[in-house]
Amino acid sequence: MTSRQYSPALMLTGFVLLLGAMFGIAYAVGSAAGPVAPGLHRSDDGGSGGDMGDMGGMNNHGMGVVSPAPAGGVPAAVGGAQ
């Protein structure tokens, strides 16, 4: 028996076609399945995240970005965390 030698270009083309077919199938299945949670739908606000409203008991402790510490000092909180 002899082994066939395929060119790298042919193998790459086959891989790209296979990848495209897998993406197409996954996209079709995802579209047919619909949203992942009840009430989840596409928003038309440009992706701004929407209004969170009053989250009752939620606070911003520890949510700020911490800047690098000065030499021998404690890092200063930036962005609302105190």
C-alpha atoms as a PDB file:
ATOM      1  CA  MET A   1       0.000   0.000   0.000  1.00  0.00           C
ATOM      2  CA  THR A   2       1.174   3.489  -0.749  1.00  0.00           C
ATOM      3  CA  SER A   3       0.459   6.543   1.296  1.00  0.00           C
ATOM      4  CA  ARG A   4      -0.952   9.550  -0.541  1.00  0.00           C
ATOM      5  CA  GLN A   5       0.900  12.803  -0.084  1.00  0.00           C
ATOM      6  CA  TYR A   6      -1.453  15.777  -0.081  1.00  0.00           C
ATOM      7  CA  SER A   7      -0.132  19.282  -0.563  1.00  0.00           C
ATOM      8  CA  PRO A   8      -0.267  21.632   2.434  1.00  0.00           C
ATOM      9  CA  ALA A   9      -2.476  24.032   0.440  1.00  0.00           C
ATOM     10  CA  LEU A  10      -5.031  21.280  -0.170  1.00  0.00           C
ATOM     11  CA  MET A  11      -5.004  20.265   3.493  1.00  0.00           C
ATOM     12  CA  LEU A  12      -5.400  23.890   4.611  1.00  0.00           C
ATOM     13  CA  THR A  13      -8.305  24.405   2.214  1.00  0.00           C
ATOM     14  CA  GLY A  14      -9.998  21.274   3.540  1.00  0.00           C
ATOM     15  CA  PHE A  15      -9.516  22.434   7.115  1.00  0.00           C
ATOM     16  CA  VAL A  16     -10.958  25.895   6.372  1.00  0.00           C
ATOM     17  CA  LEU A  17     -13.967  24.324   4.649  1.00  0.00           C
ATOM     18  CA  LEU A  18     -14.516  21.985   7.588  1.00  0.00           C
ATOM     19  CA  LEU A  19     -14.217  24.885  10.028  1.00  0.00           C
ATOM     20  CA  GLY A  20     -16.728  26.924   8.018  1.00  0.00           C
ATOM     21  CA  ALA A  21     -19.167  24.012   7.904  1.00  0.00           C
ATOM     22  CA  MET A  22     -18.899  23.493  11.670  1.00  0.00           C
ATOM     23  CA  PHE A  23     -19.475  27.211  12.304  1.00  0.00           C
ATOM     24  CA  GLY A  24     -22.502  27.215  10.000  1.00  0.00           C
ATOM     25  CA  ILE A  25     -24.029  24.193  11.725  1.00  0.00           C
ATOM     26  CA  ALA A  26     -23.396  25.645  15.192  1.00  0.00           C
ATOM     27  CA  TYR A  27     -24.919  28.985  14.156  1.00  0.00           C
ATOM     28  CA  ALA A  28     -28.006  27.281  12.714  1.00  0.00           C
ATOM     29  CA  VAL A  29     -28.516  25.178  15.847  1.00  0.00           C
ATOM     30  CA  GLY A  30     -28.065  28.238  18.086  1.00  0.00           C
ATOM     31  CA  SER A  31     -30.529  30.271  16.055  1.00  0.00           C
ATOM     32  CA  ALA A  32     -33.082  27.453  16.155  1.00  0.00           C
ATOM     33  CA  ALA A  33     -32.645  26.980  19.919  1.00  0.00           C
ATOM     34  CA  GLY A  34     -33.417  30.638  20.654  1.00  0.00           C
ATOM     35  CA  PRO A  35     -32.449  32.581  23.775  1.00  0.00           C
ATOM     36  CA  VAL A  36     -30.648  30.842  26.617  1.00  0.00           C
ATOM     37  CA  ALA A  37     -32.971  32.168  29.329  1.00  0.00           C
ATOM     38  CA  PRO A  38     -36.626  33.202  29.531  1.00  0.00           C
ATOM     39  CA  GLY A  39     -37.052  36.887  28.758  1.00  0.00           C
ATOM     40  CA  LEU A  40     -33.598  37.217  27.243  1.00  0.00           C
ATOM     41  CA  HIS A  41     -33.742  39.192  24.016  1.00  0.00           C
ATOM     42  CA  ARG A  42     -31.550  41.386  21.890  1.00  0.00           C
ATOM     43  CA  SER A  43     -31.424  44.974  23.089  1.00  0.00           C
ATOM     44  CA  ASP A  44     -31.401  47.927  20.725  1.00  0.00           C
ATOM     45  CA  ASP A  45     -29.609  50.327  23.072  1.00  0.00           C
ATOM     46  CA  GLY A  46     -26.238  49.970  21.395  1.00  0.00           C
ATOM     47  CA  GLY A  47     -24.823  47.624  24.028  1.00  0.00           C
ATOM     48  CA  SER A  48     -24.622  50.167  26.837  1.00  0.00           C
ATOM     49  CA  GLY A  49     -25.588  47.537  29.402  1.00  0.00           C
ATOM     50  CA  GLY A  50     -28.943  49.067  30.262  1.00  0.00           C
ATOM     51  CA  ASP A  51     -30.155  50.564  33.509  1.00  0.00           C
ATOM     52  CA  MET A  52     -29.505  48.352  36.521  1.00  0.00           C
ATOM     53  CA  GLY A  53     -31.940  50.295  38.690  1.00  0.00           C
ATOM     54  CA  ASP A  54     -31.834  49.887  42.464  1.00  0.00           C
ATOM     55  CA  MET A  55     -30.173  46.559  43.160  1.00  0.00           C
ATOM     56  CA  GLY A  56     -31.206  46.530  46.844  1.00  0.00           C
ATOM     57  CA  GLY A  57     -28.248  45.941  49.164  1.00  0.00           C
ATOM     58  CA  MET A  58     -25.625  46.063  46.453  1.00  0.00           C
ATOM     59  CA  ASN A  59     -22.719  48.405  47.059  1.00  0.00           C
ATOM     60  CA  ASN A  60     -19.460  49.224  45.362  1.00  0.00           C
ATOM     61  CA  HIS A  61     -17.094  48.114  48.107  1.00  0.00           C
ATOM     62  CA  GLY A  62     -14.021  46.688  46.436  1.00  0.00           C
ATOM     63  CA  MET A  63     -15.270  47.418  42.926  1.00  0.00           C
ATOM     64  CA  GLY A  64     -12.813  50.215  42.099  1.00  0.00           C
ATOM     65  CA  VAL A  65      -9.604  49.872  40.133  1.00  0.00           C
ATOM     66  CA  VAL A  66      -6.533  49.879  42.320  1.00  0.00           C
ATOM     67  CA  SER A  67      -3.594  51.918  41.103  1.00  0.00           C
ATOM     68  CA  PRO A  68      -0.027  50.692  41.609  1.00  0.00           C
ATOM     69  CA  ALA A  69       1.359  51.382  45.051  1.00  0.00           C
ATOM     70  CA  PRO A  70       3.871  54.187  45.448  1.00  0.00           C
ATOM     71  CA  ALA A  71       7.272  53.127  46.797  1.00  0.00           C
ATOM     72  CA  GLY A  72       6.663  51.903  50.347  1.00  0.00           C
ATOM     73  CA  GLY A  73       3.017  52.971  50.386  1.00  0.00           C
ATOM     74  CA  VAL A  74      -0.493  51.582  50.173  1.00  0.00           C
ATOM     75  CA  PRO A  75      -2.237  51.530  46.770  1.00  0.00           C
ATOM     76  CA  ALA A  76      -4.771  54.294  46.239  1.00  0.00           C
ATOM     77  CA  ALA A  77      -8.262  53.278  45.136  1.00  0.00           C
ATOM     78  CA  VAL A  78      -9.496  54.775  41.888  1.00  0.00           C
ATOM     79  CA  GLY A  79     -13.026  54.806  40.562  1.00  0.00           C
ATOM     80  CA  GLY A  80     -15.322  54.921  43.554  1.00  0.00           C
ATOM     81  CA  ALA A  81     -13.889  52.373  46.013  1.00  0.00           C
ATOM     82  CA  GLN A  82     -12.789  53.983  49.246  1.00  0.00           C
END
